[in-house]
Structure formats: structure tokens, C-alpha cells
Protein backbone atom coordinates (compact mmCIF):
# COMPACT_ATOMS: atom_id res chain seq x y z
CA MET A 1 14.62 17.55 17.55
CA LYS A 2 17.99 17.68 15.83
CA ARG A 3 19.47 21.07 15.18
CA PHE A 4 21.80 21.46 12.21
CA ASP A 5 24.59 23.97 12.67
CA SER A 6 26.36 25.61 9.77
CA HIS A 7 27.63 22.25 8.53
CA THR A 8 26.66 20.74 5.22
CA LEU A 9 23.46 18.69 5.30
CA GLY A 10 23.78 15.22 3.78
CA ILE A 11 20.89 13.12 2.54
CA GLU A 12 21.33 9.54 1.43
CA GLN A 13 18.55 7.24 0.23
CA GLY A 14 18.33 3.63 -0.76
CA GLU A 15 16.15 0.61 -1.14
CA LEU A 16 16.71 -3.06 -0.43
CA VAL A 17 14.84 -6.34 -0.64
CA LEU A 18 14.85 -7.37 2.98
CA PHE A 19 13.89 -10.96 2.21
CA SER A 20 12.11 -13.10 -0.38
CA ASP A 21 10.87 -16.23 1.43
CA PHE A 22 8.09 -17.50 -0.85
CA GLN A 23 10.01 -19.69 -3.33
CA PRO A 24 12.64 -21.10 -0.96
CA GLY A 25 10.01 -21.71 1.75
CA GLY A 26 11.72 -19.38 4.22
CA ASP A 27 10.66 -18.77 7.81
CA MET A 28 8.65 -15.60 7.13
CA TRP A 29 6.45 -17.59 4.71
CA THR A 30 6.26 -20.97 6.45
CA GLY A 31 6.86 -20.11 10.11
CA LYS A 32 4.52 -19.08 12.91
CA GLY A 33 4.98 -16.98 16.03
CA ASP A 34 7.59 -14.26 16.53
CA ARG A 35 9.95 -13.85 13.57
CA ILE A 36 12.46 -11.10 12.91
CA VAL A 37 14.83 -10.06 10.13
CA ARG A 38 17.63 -7.56 10.72
CA ARG A 39 19.86 -6.19 7.92
CA ARG A 40 22.71 -3.69 8.22
CA VAL A 41 22.82 -0.68 5.88
CA VAL A 42 26.21 1.05 5.49
CA PHE A 43 26.29 4.67 4.29
CA SER A 44 28.50 5.57 1.33
CA LYS A 45 30.17 8.22 3.50
CA ALA A 46 30.10 8.69 7.29
CA PHE A 47 27.95 11.45 8.75
CA ARG A 48 29.41 13.81 11.39
CA LYS A 49 26.95 12.44 13.98
CA ALA A 50 24.26 9.78 13.86
CA PRO A 51 21.70 11.01 11.29
CA SER A 52 17.93 10.90 11.40
CA VAL A 53 16.76 7.77 9.56
CA MET A 54 13.32 6.98 8.16
CA VAL A 55 12.32 3.58 6.81
CA ASN A 56 9.25 2.70 4.76
CA LEU A 57 7.71 -0.29 3.03
CA SER A 58 8.05 0.01 -0.73
CA MET A 59 6.73 -3.52 -1.43
CA TRP A 60 4.72 -5.80 0.85
CA ASP A 61 3.69 -9.26 -0.41
CA THR A 62 1.60 -11.25 2.06
CA ASP A 63 -0.83 -14.15 2.15
CA HIS A 64 -4.43 -12.94 1.94
CA ALA A 65 -5.69 -15.80 4.12
CA THR A 66 -3.88 -14.75 7.31
CA ASN A 67 -3.73 -11.60 9.43
CA THR A 68 -1.22 -9.01 8.30
CA ARG A 69 0.99 -7.93 11.21
CA MET A 70 4.31 -6.12 11.09
CA ASP A 71 6.70 -3.79 12.80
CA LEU A 72 9.35 -1.98 10.73
CA HIS A 73 11.95 0.37 12.18
CA ALA A 74 15.56 1.59 12.09
CA ASP A 75 17.80 0.49 14.97
CA ASN A 76 21.44 0.90 16.04
CA ILE A 77 21.84 4.16 14.11
CA THR A 78 25.44 5.39 13.95
CA GLU A 79 27.44 7.80 11.78
CA ARG A 80 28.31 4.88 9.48
CA GLY A 81 25.02 2.98 9.16
CA PHE A 82 21.95 1.45 10.77
CA ASP A 83 19.93 -1.77 11.00
CA VAL A 84 16.61 -2.22 9.23
CA VAL A 85 14.42 -4.40 11.45
CA PHE A 86 11.25 -6.16 10.28
CA GLN A 87 9.21 -8.24 12.68
CA THR A 88 5.98 -10.23 12.44
CA TRP A 89 4.12 -12.61 14.73
CA GLY A 90 1.17 -14.97 14.96
CA ASP A 91 0.04 -16.68 11.75
CA THR A 92 1.12 -13.86 9.41
CA ARG A 93 2.71 -15.17 6.20
CA VAL A 94 5.03 -12.76 4.40
CA ALA A 95 6.45 -13.69 0.99
CA ARG A 96 8.60 -10.61 0.31
CA ILE A 97 9.45 -7.21 1.74
CA ARG A 98 11.25 -4.33 0.04
CA VAL A 99 12.23 -1.37 2.21
CA GLY A 100 13.10 2.20 1.29
CA TRP A 101 15.17 4.40 3.60
CA THR A 102 16.36 7.99 3.93
CA ALA A 103 19.13 9.27 6.22
CA MET A 104 19.63 12.99 6.87
CA GLY A 105 22.35 14.56 8.95
CA MET A 106 25.42 16.75 9.18
CA LEU A 107 28.47 15.89 7.09
CA HIS A 108 32.12 16.49 7.82
CA GLU A 109 33.65 19.58 6.21
CA ASP A 110 37.19 19.66 4.78
CA ASP A 111 38.14 22.43 7.23
CA ASP A 112 36.66 20.75 10.37
CA TRP A 113 39.03 20.45 13.28
CA GLU A 114 38.71 19.56 16.92
CA LEU A 115 40.93 20.71 19.75
CA TYR A 116 40.47 17.63 21.91
């Protein structure tokens, strides 16, 4: 559990198309086996410490004839950003993925100072 002191709480949200592989015949649509996509998200302003980050699917376009398998998570979370990671495996065919995200954490204050 993260405990927020008396600092200002910052919340930033966004959405991004992680990939669109259907028309160009990309690997998520045509490939088989383990496949992974990793995209960096940079916050508009740095948090004081690494925030809590939640990611969610906001659009999921898959082939109905194959099994639907996926893993979606945030990785490498820092004060300045994080990686969105989408992974699939087997015969799953994914045409497009859009991901929403929310980051919550402490922000720097104008009167913050550190002795050391």
C-alpha cells in the first residue's frame, strides 16, 4: 500500500493505440507463438516518487477463429513514465489494441526542499 503524506496528489490519464497490425499484416495478426509489444508512456510532469499505475483495454480487436490470449501490464514504472506491455501467445490473432491508463501519486510542491 502506498501512503500519501501531505503532498499534493497528482492523477494523470491517457489512452494510446498500442498497435494496429491488421492492414499492414503485422506480427500480432500474422505471427504465431510468443509475441510482445512494449511502448513507453512519458508523464507530462514528473511525480515525486514512482506513482501507482493501472492499465486497461479500451479496445480489443481479435480474430474470432482463434483462441483469445493476452497479458497486459505496466512495467518499469518511474517518476517520469512507464512501459505498457502487451503479450500474446499460441495461435491468437490480434488486429488492434487500444490501452487506457491512469497514474496516481505524489507531486512535487514549490516549497519542497531536501537537506541531503
